[in-house]
Every structure is written in C-alpha cells, then in structure tokens.
Amino acid sequence: MGRLRDWLVGRYLPSWAVQTILEENRQLRSQAEELRREYRTLRAYTDGLEHALRHGMHVEVNVEGGGAYADRSTESTDG
C-alpha cells in the first residue's frame, strides 16, 4: 500500500503539497514518539504503585508535588 500511495502522491500532487505532507508526517512521528515516552513513564509510575499496594506498603501520593521530601518548613506545628 505504501508504494501505491507514494506513486499517487508523486504523480498527482504538486511538489509543495508533497513537501507539506512529508513535513506534517515528520511532526506527527515526533509527537507520537514523545507520547510513547510519556506513556512509558506513566506506566512505570502506576506499575510501582500497584506493586506497593499489592505488597501492603504505605503509599503517600502528593498531587501538589514534592512528595516525601517536600519542604515542610512552612507548615504549622500546632497540628
């Protein structure tokens, strides 16, 4: 199918359209790779959380950022 598509594009589209298609395809491939990397990272986080929960470990999730090593000097000690 790729050869047929390439032949049709080369035969019937003007050169500026071919260049536009090629550039857009490069950008889309780059975006797809970036999303794959992000997916792998997020998948690793969720796998780690599932592992910890499965083995009964205490898990603290801080959506504000910083996690367990955040600067808590601004928190009240009156608690």
C-alpha atoms as a PDB file:
ATOM      1  CA  MET A   1       0.000   0.000   0.000  1.00  0.00           C
ATOM      2  CA  GLY A   2       2.892   2.360   0.700  1.00  0.00           C
ATOM      3  CA  ARG A   3       4.285   2.168  -2.824  1.00  0.00           C
ATOM      4  CA  LEU A   4       0.873   2.820  -4.365  1.00  0.00           C
ATOM      5  CA  ARG A   5       0.304   5.795  -2.070  1.00  0.00           C
ATOM      6  CA  ASP A   6       3.768   7.176  -2.826  1.00  0.00           C
ATOM      7  CA  TRP A   7       3.156   6.807  -6.553  1.00  0.00           C
ATOM      8  CA  LEU A   8      -0.241   8.544  -6.349  1.00  0.00           C
ATOM      9  CA  VAL A   9       1.152  11.381  -4.242  1.00  0.00           C
ATOM     10  CA  GLY A  10       4.168  11.837  -6.519  1.00  0.00           C
ATOM     11  CA  ARG A  11       2.110  11.642  -9.674  1.00  0.00           C
ATOM     12  CA  TYR A  12      -0.933  13.773  -8.866  1.00  0.00           C
ATOM     13  CA  LEU A  13       0.036  16.245  -6.143  1.00  0.00           C
ATOM     14  CA  PRO A  14       2.065  19.403  -6.695  1.00  0.00           C
ATOM     15  CA  SER A  15       5.526  19.463  -5.115  1.00  0.00           C
ATOM     16  CA  TRP A  16       4.527  21.961  -2.409  1.00  0.00           C
ATOM     17  CA  ALA A  17       1.741  19.595  -1.300  1.00  0.00           C
ATOM     18  CA  VAL A  18       4.148  16.667  -1.177  1.00  0.00           C
ATOM     19  CA  GLN A  19       6.581  18.704   0.936  1.00  0.00           C
ATOM     20  CA  THR A  20       3.729  19.735   3.261  1.00  0.00           C
ATOM     21  CA  ILE A  21       2.669  16.113   3.697  1.00  0.00           C
ATOM     22  CA  LEU A  22       6.235  14.992   4.417  1.00  0.00           C
ATOM     23  CA  GLU A  23       6.769  17.770   6.981  1.00  0.00           C
ATOM     24  CA  GLU A  24       3.481  17.029   8.732  1.00  0.00           C
ATOM     25  CA  ASN A  25       4.355  13.341   8.846  1.00  0.00           C
ATOM     26  CA  ARG A  26       7.718  14.158  10.461  1.00  0.00           C
ATOM     27  CA  GLN A  27       5.990  16.300  13.092  1.00  0.00           C
ATOM     28  CA  LEU A  28       3.388  13.628  13.786  1.00  0.00           C
ATOM     29  CA  ARG A  29       6.075  10.940  14.159  1.00  0.00           C
ATOM     30  CA  SER A  30       7.891  13.194  16.635  1.00  0.00           C
ATOM     31  CA  GLN A  31       4.709  13.800  18.628  1.00  0.00           C
ATOM     32  CA  ALA A  32       3.905  10.099  18.634  1.00  0.00           C
ATOM     33  CA  GLU A  33       7.361   9.242  19.995  1.00  0.00           C
ATOM     34  CA  GLU A  34       7.022  11.899  22.708  1.00  0.00           C
ATOM     35  CA  LEU A  35       3.650  10.453  23.713  1.00  0.00           C
ATOM     36  CA  ARG A  36       5.129   6.941  23.777  1.00  0.00           C
ATOM     37  CA  ARG A  37       7.860   8.140  26.155  1.00  0.00           C
ATOM     38  CA  GLU A  38       5.279   9.834  28.384  1.00  0.00           C
ATOM     39  CA  TYR A  39       3.126   6.698  28.368  1.00  0.00           C
ATOM     40  CA  ARG A  40       6.097   4.522  29.384  1.00  0.00           C
ATOM     41  CA  THR A  41       6.876   6.898  32.267  1.00  0.00           C
ATOM     42  CA  LEU A  42       3.291   6.988  33.495  1.00  0.00           C
ATOM     43  CA  ARG A  43       3.003   3.230  33.111  1.00  0.00           C
ATOM     44  CA  ALA A  44       6.134   2.798  35.263  1.00  0.00           C
ATOM     45  CA  TYR A  45       4.586   5.012  37.971  1.00  0.00           C
ATOM     46  CA  THR A  46       1.348   3.046  38.003  1.00  0.00           C
ATOM     47  CA  ASP A  47       3.197  -0.283  37.996  1.00  0.00           C
ATOM     48  CA  GLY A  48       5.175   0.881  41.023  1.00  0.00           C
ATOM     49  CA  LEU A  49       2.041   1.962  42.863  1.00  0.00           C
ATOM     50  CA  GLU A  50       0.294  -1.315  42.076  1.00  0.00           C
ATOM     51  CA  HIS A  51       3.320  -3.258  43.307  1.00  0.00           C
ATOM     52  CA  ALA A  52       3.451  -1.271  46.550  1.00  0.00           C
ATOM     53  CA  LEU A  53      -0.259  -1.664  47.201  1.00  0.00           C
ATOM     54  CA  ARG A  54      -0.185  -5.361  46.369  1.00  0.00           C
ATOM     55  CA  HIS A  55       2.546  -5.923  48.967  1.00  0.00           C
ATOM     56  CA  GLY A  56       0.883  -3.825  51.664  1.00  0.00           C
ATOM     57  CA  MET A  57       3.310  -0.919  51.637  1.00  0.00           C
ATOM     58  CA  HIS A  58       2.232   2.528  52.749  1.00  0.00           C
ATOM     59  CA  VAL A  59       1.966   4.816  49.754  1.00  0.00           C
ATOM     60  CA  GLU A  60       1.704   8.597  50.058  1.00  0.00           C
ATOM     61  CA  VAL A  61       0.626  10.347  46.906  1.00  0.00           C
ATOM     62  CA  ASN A  62       1.125  14.102  46.913  1.00  0.00           C
ATOM     63  CA  VAL A  63      -0.545  15.709  43.914  1.00  0.00           C
ATOM     64  CA  GLU A  64       0.798  19.127  44.895  1.00  0.00           C
ATOM     65  CA  GLY A  65       4.328  17.974  44.102  1.00  0.00           C
ATOM     66  CA  GLY A  66       7.404  17.474  46.220  1.00  0.00           C
ATOM     67  CA  GLY A  67       6.455  14.072  47.614  1.00  0.00           C
ATOM     68  CA  ALA A  68       8.041  12.833  50.828  1.00  0.00           C
ATOM     69  CA  TYR A  69      10.981  15.210  50.513  1.00  0.00           C
ATOM     70  CA  ALA A  70       8.980  18.413  50.148  1.00  0.00           C
ATOM     71  CA  ASP A  71       9.921  21.446  52.199  1.00  0.00           C
ATOM     72  CA  ARG A  72       7.554  21.380  55.158  1.00  0.00           C
ATOM     73  CA  SER A  73       9.063  24.337  56.988  1.00  0.00           C
ATOM     74  CA  THR A  74       6.027  26.468  56.163  1.00  0.00           C
ATOM     75  CA  GLU A  75       3.556  24.009  57.730  1.00  0.00           C
ATOM     76  CA  SER A  76       2.077  24.674  61.128  1.00  0.00           C
ATOM     77  CA  THR A  77       3.318  22.542  64.028  1.00  0.00           C
ATOM     78  CA  ASP A  78       0.118  23.129  66.054  1.00  0.00           C
ATOM     79  CA  GLY A  79      -1.464  20.091  64.295  1.00  0.00           C
END
